[in-house]
Amino acid sequence: MLVIFPYLHEGTWVFDDAAVGLSKEPFVAGIPEMINVLVRDIADADNGFKLLFSARPFPGYQVKLKWLRGEYDGNWYKWEAQGLEGWLCPALFKYFESAPEEIYCQAVAK
């Protein structure tokens, strides 16, 4: 299980992870829309929330993303339950050796 702490910076969802050399790493191409849905019931999520994620299901996961295809060194995933698609940039490989077939996520208040 992995964890990051996304927050809004100048209108863009970003996260920092010094352990893997990322600072204000932005989410783009459909992922911000997914985050907006995921955190709609978390008070003050704009100032940060905890995002747990794994290539395997875990108790309490809220989202299952299915791999669609690779593009521009990143990968497209679909949140079928919401009909949303988003692209995860190559920063994904800071956490996984290869693009997982599925990514399970849970968002909780900090």
PDB file of N, CA and C in Angstrom:
ATOM      1  N   MET A   1       0.854  -1.175   0.000  1.00  0.00           N
ATOM      2  CA  MET A   1       0.000   0.000   0.000  1.00  0.00           C
ATOM      3  C   MET A   1       0.896   1.233   0.000  1.00  0.00           C
ATOM      4  N   LEU A   2       0.483   2.214  -0.781  1.00  0.00           N
ATOM      5  CA  LEU A   2       1.239   3.454  -0.920  1.00  0.00           C
ATOM      6  C   LEU A   2       0.362   4.621  -0.502  1.00  0.00           C
ATOM      7  N   VAL A   3       0.993   5.751  -0.168  1.00  0.00           N
ATOM      8  CA  VAL A   3       0.227   6.918   0.252  1.00  0.00           C
ATOM      9  C   VAL A   3       0.900   8.193  -0.242  1.00  0.00           C
ATOM     10  N   ILE A   4       0.075   9.127  -0.716  1.00  0.00           N
ATOM     11  CA  ILE A   4       0.512  10.480  -1.044  1.00  0.00           C
ATOM     12  C   ILE A   4      -0.512  11.439  -0.445  1.00  0.00           C
ATOM     13  N   PHE A   5      -0.177  12.729  -0.442  1.00  0.00           N
ATOM     14  CA  PHE A   5      -1.049  13.739   0.148  1.00  0.00           C
ATOM     15  C   PHE A   5      -1.305  14.867  -0.847  1.00  0.00           C
ATOM     16  N   PRO A   6      -2.237  14.650  -1.790  1.00  0.00           N
ATOM     17  CA  PRO A   6      -2.549  15.694  -2.778  1.00  0.00           C
ATOM     18  C   PRO A   6      -3.189  16.932  -2.136  1.00  0.00           C
ATOM     19  N   TYR A   7      -3.013  18.062  -2.819  1.00  0.00           N
ATOM     20  CA  TYR A   7      -3.606  19.329  -2.393  1.00  0.00           C
ATOM     21  C   TYR A   7      -3.735  20.223  -3.630  1.00  0.00           C
ATOM     22  N   LEU A   8      -4.553  21.250  -3.513  1.00  0.00           N
ATOM     23  CA  LEU A   8      -4.711  22.200  -4.620  1.00  0.00           C
ATOM     24  C   LEU A   8      -3.641  23.276  -4.524  1.00  0.00           C
ATOM     25  N   HIS A   9      -2.961  23.521  -5.628  1.00  0.00           N
ATOM     26  CA  HIS A   9      -1.957  24.584  -5.713  1.00  0.00           C
ATOM     27  C   HIS A   9      -2.252  25.380  -6.980  1.00  0.00           C
ATOM     28  N   GLU A  10      -2.623  26.638  -6.795  1.00  0.00           N
ATOM     29  CA  GLU A  10      -2.956  27.517  -7.921  1.00  0.00           C
ATOM     30  C   GLU A  10      -3.966  26.872  -8.861  1.00  0.00           C
ATOM     31  N   GLY A  11      -4.970  26.201  -8.275  1.00  0.00           N
ATOM     32  CA  GLY A  11      -6.058  25.617  -9.046  1.00  0.00           C
ATOM     33  C   GLY A  11      -5.774  24.254  -9.645  1.00  0.00           C
ATOM     34  N   THR A  12      -4.624  23.662  -9.330  1.00  0.00           N
ATOM     35  CA  THR A  12      -4.251  22.362  -9.872  1.00  0.00           C
ATOM     36  C   THR A  12      -3.981  21.385  -8.736  1.00  0.00           C
ATOM     37  N   TRP A  13      -4.506  20.162  -8.853  1.00  0.00           N
ATOM     38  CA  TRP A  13      -4.187  19.124  -7.876  1.00  0.00           C
ATOM     39  C   TRP A  13      -2.744  18.692  -8.085  1.00  0.00           C
ATOM     40  N   VAL A  14      -1.959  18.734  -6.997  1.00  0.00           N
ATOM     41  CA  VAL A  14      -0.554  18.355  -7.022  1.00  0.00           C
ATOM     42  C   VAL A  14      -0.243  17.534  -5.778  1.00  0.00           C
ATOM     43  N   PHE A  15       0.961  16.960  -5.744  1.00  0.00           N
ATOM     44  CA  PHE A  15       1.438  16.311  -4.526  1.00  0.00           C
ATOM     45  C   PHE A  15       2.952  16.391  -4.468  1.00  0.00           C
ATOM     46  N   ASP A  16       3.475  16.265  -3.273  1.00  0.00           N
ATOM     47  CA  ASP A  16       4.910  16.247  -3.021  1.00  0.00           C
ATOM     48  C   ASP A  16       5.268  14.878  -2.467  1.00  0.00           C
ATOM     49  N   ASP A  17       6.412  14.367  -2.863  1.00  0.00           N
ATOM     50  CA  ASP A  17       6.933  13.135  -2.273  1.00  0.00           C
ATOM     51  C   ASP A  17       8.455  13.184  -2.375  1.00  0.00           C
ATOM     52  N   ALA A  18       9.083  13.736  -1.346  1.00  0.00           N
ATOM     53  CA  ALA A  18      10.539  13.896  -1.337  1.00  0.00           C
ATOM     54  C   ALA A  18      11.249  12.554  -1.471  1.00  0.00           C
ATOM     55  N   ALA A  19      10.633  11.486  -0.978  1.00  0.00           N
ATOM     56  CA  ALA A  19      11.259  10.166  -1.021  1.00  0.00           C
ATOM     57  C   ALA A  19      11.534   9.696  -2.455  1.00  0.00           C
ATOM     58  N   VAL A  20      10.743  10.179  -3.413  1.00  0.00           N
ATOM     59  CA  VAL A  20      10.950   9.795  -4.811  1.00  0.00           C
ATOM     60  C   VAL A  20      11.296  10.997  -5.696  1.00  0.00           C
ATOM     61  N   GLY A  21      11.599  12.133  -5.073  1.00  0.00           N
ATOM     62  CA  GLY A  21      12.056  13.308  -5.806  1.00  0.00           C
ATOM     63  C   GLY A  21      10.986  14.110  -6.516  1.00  0.00           C
ATOM     64  N   LEU A  22       9.758  14.111  -5.986  1.00  0.00           N
ATOM     65  CA  LEU A  22       8.676  14.865  -6.627  1.00  0.00           C
ATOM     66  C   LEU A  22       8.249  16.051  -5.760  1.00  0.00           C
ATOM     67  N   SER A  23       8.046  17.194  -6.405  1.00  0.00           N
ATOM     68  CA  SER A  23       7.569  18.391  -5.717  1.00  0.00           C
ATOM     69  C   SER A  23       6.531  19.071  -6.601  1.00  0.00           C
ATOM     70  N   LYS A  24       5.355  19.303  -6.037  1.00  0.00           N
ATOM     71  CA  LYS A  24       4.242  19.902  -6.782  1.00  0.00           C
ATOM     72  C   LYS A  24       3.994  19.172  -8.104  1.00  0.00           C
ATOM     73  N   GLU A  25       4.055  17.848  -8.054  1.00  0.00           N
ATOM     74  CA  GLU A  25       3.787  17.015  -9.234  1.00  0.00           C
ATOM     75  C   GLU A  25       2.307  17.130  -9.577  1.00  0.00           C
ATOM     76  N   PRO A  26       1.970  17.631 -10.763  1.00  0.00           N
ATOM     77  CA  PRO A  26       0.556  17.862 -11.082  1.00  0.00           C
ATOM     78  C   PRO A  26      -0.162  16.614 -11.592  1.00  0.00           C
ATOM     79  N   PHE A  27      -1.438  16.573 -11.298  1.00  0.00           N
ATOM     80  CA  PHE A  27      -2.345  15.611 -11.922  1.00  0.00           C
ATOM     81  C   PHE A  27      -2.973  16.329 -13.115  1.00  0.00           C
ATOM     82  N   VAL A  28      -3.064  15.655 -14.260  1.00  0.00           N
ATOM     83  CA  VAL A  28      -3.564  16.276 -15.486  1.00  0.00           C
ATOM     84  C   VAL A  28      -4.475  15.303 -16.232  1.00  0.00           C
ATOM     85  N   ALA A  29      -5.027  15.773 -17.324  1.00  0.00           N
ATOM     86  CA  ALA A  29      -5.727  14.951 -18.315  1.00  0.00           C
ATOM     87  C   ALA A  29      -6.759  13.997 -17.723  1.00  0.00           C
ATOM     88  N   GLY A  30      -7.755  14.565 -17.061  1.00  0.00           N
ATOM     89  CA  GLY A  30      -8.868  13.767 -16.547  1.00  0.00           C
ATOM     90  C   GLY A  30      -8.729  13.335 -15.096  1.00  0.00           C
ATOM     91  N   ILE A  31      -7.512  13.271 -14.583  1.00  0.00           N
ATOM     92  CA  ILE A  31      -7.323  12.865 -13.192  1.00  0.00           C
ATOM     93  C   ILE A  31      -7.873  13.922 -12.222  1.00  0.00           C
ATOM     94  N   PRO A  32      -7.711  15.234 -12.482  1.00  0.00           N
ATOM     95  CA  PRO A  32      -8.318  16.207 -11.565  1.00  0.00           C
ATOM     96  C   PRO A  32      -9.832  16.030 -11.424  1.00  0.00           C
ATOM     97  N   GLU A  33     -10.505  15.696 -12.515  1.00  0.00           N
ATOM     98  CA  GLU A  33     -11.950  15.476 -12.446  1.00  0.00           C
ATOM     99  C   GLU A  33     -12.267  14.255 -11.573  1.00  0.00           C
ATOM    100  N   MET A  34     -11.448  13.230 -11.670  1.00  0.00           N
ATOM    101  CA  MET A  34     -11.627  12.062 -10.802  1.00  0.00           C
ATOM    102  C   MET A  34     -11.428  12.445  -9.333  1.00  0.00           C
ATOM    103  N   ILE A  35     -10.383  13.214  -9.064  1.00  0.00           N
ATOM    104  CA  ILE A  35     -10.112  13.635  -7.682  1.00  0.00           C
ATOM    105  C   ILE A  35     -11.277  14.457  -7.149  1.00  0.00           C
ATOM    106  N   ASN A  36     -11.804  15.353  -7.959  1.00  0.00           N
ATOM    107  CA  ASN A  36     -12.928  16.185  -7.509  1.00  0.00           C
ATOM    108  C   ASN A  36     -14.104  15.327  -7.051  1.00  0.00           C
ATOM    109  N   VAL A  37     -14.401  14.268  -7.779  1.00  0.00           N
ATOM    110  CA  VAL A  37     -15.491  13.367  -7.397  1.00  0.00           C
ATOM    111  C   VAL A  37     -15.116  12.609  -6.125  1.00  0.00           C
ATOM    112  N   LEU A  38     -13.908  12.129  -6.060  1.00  0.00           N
ATOM    113  CA  LEU A  38     -13.450  11.319  -4.930  1.00  0.00           C
ATOM    114  C   LEU A  38     -13.471  12.085  -3.613  1.00  0.00           C
ATOM    115  N   VAL A  39     -13.155  13.377  -3.653  1.00  0.00           N
ATOM    116  CA  VAL A  39     -13.030  14.147  -2.399  1.00  0.00           C
ATOM    117  C   VAL A  39     -14.232  15.033  -2.092  1.00  0.00           C
ATOM    118  N   ARG A  40     -15.301  14.908  -2.847  1.00  0.00           N
ATOM    119  CA  ARG A  40     -16.425  15.835  -2.660  1.00  0.00           C
ATOM    120  C   ARG A  40     -17.009  15.813  -1.251  1.00  0.00           C
ATOM    121  N   ASP A  41     -16.831  14.732  -0.506  1.00  0.00           N
ATOM    122  CA  ASP A  41     -17.359  14.668   0.859  1.00  0.00           C
ATOM    123  C   ASP A  41     -16.284  14.844   1.927  1.00  0.00           C
ATOM    124  N   ILE A  42     -15.080  15.229   1.528  1.00  0.00           N
ATOM    125  CA  ILE A  42     -13.996  15.466   2.488  1.00  0.00           C
ATOM    126  C   ILE A  42     -13.882  16.964   2.728  1.00  0.00           C
ATOM    127  N   ALA A  43     -14.138  17.374   3.959  1.00  0.00           N
ATOM    128  CA  ALA A  43     -14.053  18.794   4.313  1.00  0.00           C
ATOM    129  C   ALA A  43     -12.621  19.292   4.120  1.00  0.00           C
ATOM    130  N   ASP A  44     -12.492  20.449   3.503  1.00  0.00           N
ATOM    131  CA  ASP A  44     -11.196  21.121   3.346  1.00  0.00           C
ATOM    132  C   ASP A  44     -10.177  20.294   2.546  1.00  0.00           C
ATOM    133  N   ALA A  45     -10.652  19.455   1.649  1.00  0.00           N
ATOM    134  CA  ALA A  45      -9.749  18.614   0.850  1.00  0.00           C
ATOM    135  C   ALA A  45      -8.775  19.455   0.027  1.00  0.00           C
ATOM    136  N   ASP A  46      -9.186  20.671  -0.363  1.00  0.00           N
ATOM    137  CA  ASP A  46      -8.307  21.542  -1.150  1.00  0.00           C
ATOM    138  C   ASP A  46      -6.965  21.759  -0.459  1.00  0.00           C
ATOM    139  N   ASN A  47      -6.966  21.747   0.870  1.00  0.00           N
ATOM    140  CA  ASN A  47      -5.740  21.955   1.632  1.00  0.00           C
ATOM    141  C   ASN A  47      -4.999  20.653   1.907  1.00  0.00           C
ATOM    142  N   GLY A  48      -5.468  19.580   1.333  1.00  0.00           N
ATOM    143  CA  GLY A  48      -4.764  18.317   1.427  1.00  0.00           C
ATOM    144  C   GLY A  48      -5.623  17.193   1.975  1.00  0.00           C
ATOM    145  N   PHE A  49      -5.391  16.007   1.458  1.00  0.00           N
ATOM    146  CA  PHE A  49      -6.051  14.804   1.934  1.00  0.00           C
ATOM    147  C   PHE A  49      -5.086  13.639   1.727  1.00  0.00           C
ATOM    148  N   LYS A  50      -5.380  12.534   2.370  1.00  0.00           N
ATOM    149  CA  LYS A  50      -4.543  11.346   2.239  1.00  0.00           C
ATOM    150  C   LYS A  50      -5.121  10.458   1.156  1.00  0.00           C
ATOM    151  N   LEU A  51      -4.287  10.066   0.197  1.00  0.00           N
ATOM    152  CA  LEU A  51      -4.700   9.174  -0.872  1.00  0.00           C
ATOM    153  C   LEU A  51      -3.908   7.874  -0.755  1.00  0.00           C
ATOM    154  N   LEU A  52      -4.607   6.815  -0.388  1.00  0.00           N
ATOM    155  CA  LEU A  52      -4.011   5.483  -0.323  1.00  0.00           C
ATOM    156  C   LEU A  52      -4.240   4.803  -1.662  1.00  0.00           C
ATOM    157  N   PHE A  53      -3.229   4.096  -2.158  1.00  0.00           N
ATOM    158  CA  PHE A  53      -3.413   3.399  -3.431  1.00  0.00           C
ATOM    159  C   PHE A  53      -2.550   2.142  -3.491  1.00  0.00           C
ATOM    160  N   SER A  54      -3.021   1.199  -4.289  1.00  0.00           N
ATOM    161  CA  SER A  54      -2.369  -0.101  -4.387  1.00  0.00           C
ATOM    162  C   SER A  54      -2.778  -0.778  -5.694  1.00  0.00           C
ATOM    163  N   ALA A  55      -1.943  -1.696  -6.151  1.00  0.00           N
ATOM    164  CA  ALA A  55      -2.294  -2.494  -7.326  1.00  0.00           C
ATOM    165  C   ALA A  55      -3.216  -3.649  -6.946  1.00  0.00           C
ATOM    166  N   ARG A  56      -3.483  -3.801  -5.666  1.00  0.00           N
ATOM    167  CA  ARG A  56      -4.382  -4.861  -5.179  1.00  0.00           C
ATOM    168  C   ARG A  56      -5.488  -4.249  -4.330  1.00  0.00           C
ATOM    169  N   PRO A  57      -6.652  -4.879  -4.324  1.00  0.00           N
ATOM    170  CA  PRO A  57      -7.745  -4.365  -3.487  1.00  0.00           C
ATOM    171  C   PRO A  57      -7.350  -4.397  -2.008  1.00  0.00           C
ATOM    172  N   PHE A  58      -7.906  -3.460  -1.246  1.00  0.00           N
ATOM    173  CA  PHE A  58      -7.665  -3.412   0.193  1.00  0.00           C
ATOM    174  C   PHE A  58      -8.950  -2.955   0.880  1.00  0.00           C
ATOM    175  N   PRO A  59      -9.109  -3.272   2.168  1.00  0.00           N
ATOM    176  CA  PRO A  59     -10.341  -2.892   2.872  1.00  0.00           C
ATOM    177  C   PRO A  59     -10.581  -1.381   2.804  1.00  0.00           C
ATOM    178  N   GLY A  60     -11.768  -1.001   2.405  1.00  0.00           N
ATOM    179  CA  GLY A  60     -12.150   0.406   2.364  1.00  0.00           C
ATOM    180  C   GLY A  60     -11.840   1.130   1.071  1.00  0.00           C
ATOM    181  N   TYR A  61     -11.277   0.436   0.076  1.00  0.00           N
ATOM    182  CA  TYR A  61     -10.992   1.165  -1.173  1.00  0.00           C
ATOM    183  C   TYR A  61     -12.310   1.690  -1.741  1.00  0.00           C
ATOM    184  N   GLN A  62     -12.220   2.849  -2.407  1.00  0.00           N
ATOM    185  CA  GLN A  62     -13.401   3.506  -2.959  1.00  0.00           C
ATOM    186  C   GLN A  62     -13.435   3.501  -4.481  1.00  0.00           C
ATOM    187  N   VAL A  63     -12.280   3.365  -5.086  1.00  0.00           N
ATOM    188  CA  VAL A  63     -12.158   3.490  -6.534  1.00  0.00           C
ATOM    189  C   VAL A  63     -11.328   2.340  -7.078  1.00  0.00           C
ATOM    190  N   LYS A  64     -11.797   1.799  -8.193  1.00  0.00           N
ATOM    191  CA  LYS A  64     -11.012   0.822  -8.948  1.00  0.00           C
ATOM    192  C   LYS A  64     -10.783   1.418 -10.324  1.00  0.00           C
ATOM    193  N   LEU A  65      -9.522   1.657 -10.651  1.00  0.00           N
ATOM    194  CA  LEU A  65      -9.159   2.157 -11.965  1.00  0.00           C
ATOM    195  C   LEU A  65      -8.642   0.997 -12.797  1.00  0.00           C
ATOM    196  N   LYS A  66      -9.123   0.906 -14.036  1.00  0.00           N
ATOM    197  CA  LYS A  66      -8.685  -0.156 -14.945  1.00  0.00           C
ATOM    198  C   LYS A  66      -7.801   0.442 -16.034  1.00  0.00           C
ATOM    199  N   TRP A  67      -6.672  -0.222 -16.282  1.00  0.00           N
ATOM    200  CA  TRP A  67      -5.740   0.219 -17.317  1.00  0.00           C
ATOM    201  C   TRP A  67      -6.400   0.119 -18.691  1.00  0.00           C
ATOM    202  N   LEU A  68      -6.210   1.154 -19.490  1.00  0.00           N
ATOM    203  CA  LEU A  68      -6.746   1.178 -20.855  1.00  0.00           C
ATOM    204  C   LEU A  68      -5.649   1.046 -21.906  1.00  0.00           C
ATOM    205  N   ARG A  69      -4.640   1.936 -21.805  1.00  0.00           N
ATOM    206  CA  ARG A  69      -3.597   1.961 -22.830  1.00  0.00           C
ATOM    207  C   ARG A  69      -2.473   2.905 -22.373  1.00  0.00           C
ATOM    208  N   GLY A  70      -1.326   2.709 -22.972  1.00  0.00           N
ATOM    209  CA  GLY A  70      -0.218   3.623 -22.755  1.00  0.00           C
ATOM    210  C   GLY A  70      -0.225   4.726 -23.792  1.00  0.00           C
ATOM    211  N   GLU A  71       0.286   5.889 -23.402  1.00  0.00           N
ATOM    212  CA  GLU A  71       0.425   6.998 -24.351  1.00  0.00           C
ATOM    213  C   GLU A  71       1.423   8.005 -23.795  1.00  0.00           C
ATOM    214  N   TYR A  72       2.364   8.447 -24.615  1.00  0.00           N
ATOM    215  CA  TYR A  72       3.350   9.454 -24.228  1.00  0.00           C
ATOM    216  C   TYR A  72       4.051   9.110 -22.913  1.00  0.00           C
ATOM    217  N   ASP A  73       4.517   7.899 -22.775  1.00  0.00           N
ATOM    218  CA  ASP A  73       5.232   7.416 -21.588  1.00  0.00           C
ATOM    219  C   ASP A  73       4.366   7.352 -20.330  1.00  0.00           C
ATOM    220  N   GLY A  74       3.088   7.686 -20.445  1.00  0.00           N
ATOM    221  CA  GLY A  74       2.142   7.572 -19.336  1.00  0.00           C
ATOM    222  C   GLY A  74       1.098   6.518 -19.653  1.00  0.00           C
ATOM    223  N   ASN A  75       0.072   6.454 -18.837  1.00  0.00           N
ATOM    224  CA  ASN A  75      -0.949   5.424 -19.004  1.00  0.00           C
ATOM    225  C   ASN A  75      -2.341   5.968 -18.703  1.00  0.00           C
ATOM    226  N   TRP A  76      -3.295   5.560 -19.531  1.00  0.00           N
ATOM    227  CA  TRP A  76      -4.697   5.924 -19.357  1.00  0.00           C
ATOM    228  C   TRP A  76      -5.393   4.862 -18.513  1.00  0.00           C
ATOM    229  N   TYR A  77      -6.212   5.340 -17.567  1.00  0.00           N
ATOM    230  CA  TYR A  77      -7.015   4.479 -16.707  1.00  0.00           C
ATOM    231  C   TYR A  77      -8.465   4.934 -16.749  1.00  0.00           C
ATOM    232  N   LYS A  78      -9.369   3.994 -16.498  1.00  0.00           N
ATOM    233  CA  LYS A  78     -10.803   4.305 -16.476  1.00  0.00           C
ATOM    234  C   LYS A  78     -11.393   3.950 -15.125  1.00  0.00           C
ATOM    235  N   TRP A  79     -12.167   4.884 -14.595  1.00  0.00           N
ATOM    236  CA  TRP A  79     -12.973   4.667 -13.393  1.00  0.00           C
ATOM    237  C   TRP A  79     -14.359   4.336 -13.931  1.00  0.00           C
ATOM    238  N   GLU A  80     -14.615   3.066 -14.136  1.00  0.00           N
ATOM    239  CA  GLU A  80     -15.844   2.629 -14.809  1.00  0.00           C
ATOM    240  C   GLU A  80     -17.098   3.068 -14.074  1.00  0.00           C
ATOM    241  N   ALA A  81     -17.094   3.016 -12.749  1.00  0.00           N
ATOM    242  CA  ALA A  81     -18.281   3.365 -11.967  1.00  0.00           C
ATOM    243  C   ALA A  81     -18.721   4.812 -12.206  1.00  0.00           C
ATOM    244  N   GLN A  82     -17.780   5.682 -12.567  1.00  0.00           N
ATOM    245  CA  GLN A  82     -18.108   7.091 -12.812  1.00  0.00           C
ATOM    246  C   GLN A  82     -18.038   7.457 -14.298  1.00  0.00           C
ATOM    247  N   GLY A  83     -17.603   6.529 -15.129  1.00  0.00           N
ATOM    248  CA  GLY A  83     -17.478   6.821 -16.556  1.00  0.00           C
ATOM    249  C   GLY A  83     -16.404   7.845 -16.862  1.00  0.00           C
ATOM    250  N   LEU A  84     -15.350   7.877 -16.039  1.00  0.00           N
ATOM    251  CA  LEU A  84     -14.274   8.852 -16.207  1.00  0.00           C
ATOM    252  C   LEU A  84     -12.982   8.166 -16.636  1.00  0.00           C
ATOM    253  N   GLU A  85     -12.205   8.863 -17.454  1.00  0.00           N
ATOM    254  CA  GLU A  85     -10.885   8.392 -17.853  1.00  0.00           C
ATOM    255  C   GLU A  85      -9.863   9.456 -17.514  1.00  0.00           C
ATOM    256  N   GLY A  86      -8.647   8.997 -17.174  1.00  0.00           N
ATOM    257  CA  GLY A  86      -7.581   9.932 -16.859  1.00  0.00           C
ATOM    258  C   GLY A  86      -6.223   9.338 -17.165  1.00  0.00           C
ATOM    259  N   TRP A  87      -5.267  10.216 -17.400  1.00  0.00           N
ATOM    260  CA  TRP A  87      -3.912   9.832 -17.767  1.00  0.00           C
ATOM    261  C   TRP A  87      -2.981  10.041 -16.583  1.00  0.00           C
ATOM    262  N   LEU A  88      -2.247   8.995 -16.236  1.00  0.00           N
ATOM    263  CA  LEU A  88      -1.230   9.099 -15.197  1.00  0.00           C
ATOM    264  C   LEU A  88       0.131   9.194 -15.869  1.00  0.00           C
ATOM    265  N   CYS A  89       0.862  10.248 -15.534  1.00  0.00           N
ATOM    266  CA  CYS A  89       2.145  10.528 -16.171  1.00  0.00           C
ATOM    267  C   CYS A  89       3.213   9.528 -15.723  1.00  0.00           C
ATOM    268  N   PRO A  90       4.419   9.620 -16.274  1.00  0.00           N
ATOM    269  CA  PRO A  90       5.474   8.675 -15.923  1.00  0.00           C
ATOM    270  C   PRO A  90       5.868   8.671 -14.444  1.00  0.00           C
ATOM    271  N   ALA A  91       5.413   9.630 -13.656  1.00  0.00           N
ATOM    272  CA  ALA A  91       5.660   9.579 -12.206  1.00  0.00           C
ATOM    273  C   ALA A  91       5.070   8.301 -11.607  1.00  0.00           C
ATOM    274  N   LEU A  92       4.118   7.687 -12.303  1.00  0.00           N
ATOM    275  CA  LEU A  92       3.548   6.409 -11.869  1.00  0.00           C
ATOM    276  C   LEU A  92       4.653   5.384 -11.609  1.00  0.00           C
ATOM    277  N   PHE A  93       5.733   5.463 -12.393  1.00  0.00           N
ATOM    278  CA  PHE A  93       6.816   4.485 -12.288  1.00  0.00           C
ATOM    279  C   PHE A  93       7.749   4.747 -11.110  1.00  0.00           C
ATOM    280  N   LYS A  94       7.488   5.809 -10.367  1.00  0.00           N
ATOM    281  CA  LYS A  94       8.176   6.016  -9.084  1.00  0.00           C
ATOM    282  C   LYS A  94       7.582   5.076  -8.035  1.00  0.00           C
ATOM    283  N   TYR A  95       6.378   4.553  -8.328  1.00  0.00           N
ATOM    284  CA  TYR A  95       5.647   3.724  -7.371  1.00  0.00           C
ATOM    285  C   TYR A  95       5.448   2.279  -7.841  1.00  0.00           C
ATOM    286  N   PHE A  96       5.449   2.072  -9.145  1.00  0.00           N
ATOM    287  CA  PHE A  96       5.237   0.742  -9.717  1.00  0.00           C
ATOM    288  C   PHE A  96       6.285   0.498 -10.796  1.00  0.00           C
ATOM    289  N   GLU A  97       6.799  -0.733 -10.902  1.00  0.00           N
ATOM    290  CA  GLU A  97       7.777  -1.064 -11.939  1.00  0.00           C
ATOM    291  C   GLU A  97       7.173  -0.987 -13.332  1.00  0.00           C
ATOM    292  N   SER A  98       5.916  -1.383 -13.440  1.00  0.00           N
ATOM    293  CA  SER A  98       5.188  -1.288 -14.701  1.00  0.00           C
ATOM    294  C   SER A  98       3.773  -0.834 -14.376  1.00  0.00           C
ATOM    295  N   ALA A  99       3.060  -0.397 -15.392  1.00  0.00           N
ATOM    296  CA  ALA A  99       1.693   0.093 -15.178  1.00  0.00           C
ATOM    297  C   ALA A  99       0.800  -1.055 -14.721  1.00  0.00           C
ATOM    298  N   PRO A 100       0.208  -0.952 -13.525  1.00  0.00           N
ATOM    299  CA  PRO A 100      -0.670  -2.022 -13.058  1.00  0.00           C
ATOM    300  C   PRO A 100      -1.937  -2.125 -13.903  1.00  0.00           C
ATOM    301  N   GLU A 101      -2.461  -3.324 -14.003  1.00  0.00           N
ATOM    302  CA  GLU A 101      -3.733  -3.529 -14.707  1.00  0.00           C
ATOM    303  C   GLU A 101      -4.872  -2.817 -13.988  1.00  0.00           C
ATOM    304  N   GLU A 102      -4.769  -2.730 -12.671  1.00  0.00           N
ATOM    305  CA  GLU A 102      -5.783  -2.056 -11.849  1.00  0.00           C
ATOM    306  C   GLU A 102      -5.078  -1.273 -10.751  1.00  0.00           C
ATOM    307  N   ILE A 103      -5.682  -0.160 -10.378  1.00  0.00           N
ATOM    308  CA  ILE A 103      -5.201   0.630  -9.241  1.00  0.00           C
ATOM    309  C   ILE A 103      -6.422   0.885  -8.358  1.00  0.00           C
ATOM    310  N   TYR A 104      -6.266   0.573  -7.089  1.00  0.00           N
ATOM    311  CA  TYR A 104      -7.333   0.756  -6.100  1.00  0.00           C
ATOM    312  C   TYR A 104      -6.970   1.943  -5.229  1.00  0.00           C
ATOM    313  N   CYS A 105      -7.959   2.816  -4.942  1.00  0.00           N
ATOM    314  CA  CYS A 105      -7.686   4.064  -4.230  1.00  0.00           C
ATOM    315  C   CYS A 105      -8.707   4.305  -3.118  1.00  0.00           C
ATOM    316  N   GLN A 106      -8.249   5.034  -2.121  1.00  0.00           N
ATOM    317  CA  GLN A 106      -9.121   5.513  -1.050  1.00  0.00           C
ATOM    318  C   GLN A 106      -8.648   6.904  -0.648  1.00  0.00           C
ATOM    319  N   ALA A 107      -9.575   7.838  -0.551  1.00  0.00           N
ATOM    320  CA  ALA A 107      -9.267   9.195  -0.107  1.00  0.00           C
ATOM    321  C   ALA A 107      -9.866   9.402   1.272  1.00  0.00           C
ATOM    322  N   VAL A 108      -9.057   9.925   2.185  1.00  0.00           N
ATOM    323  CA  VAL A 108      -9.527  10.208   3.545  1.00  0.00           C
ATOM    324  C   VAL A 108      -8.949  11.554   3.982  1.00  0.00           C
ATOM    325  N   ALA A 109      -9.599  12.167   4.951  1.00  0.00           N
ATOM    326  CA  ALA A 109      -9.097  13.420   5.496  1.00  0.00           C
ATOM    327  C   ALA A 109      -7.744  13.185   6.144  1.00  0.00           C
ATOM    328  N   LYS A 110      -6.918  14.226   6.151  1.00  0.00           N
ATOM    329  CA  LYS A 110      -5.582  14.120   6.755  1.00  0.00           C
ATOM    330  C   LYS A 110      -5.656  13.898   8.249  1.00  0.00           C
TER     331      LYS A 110
END
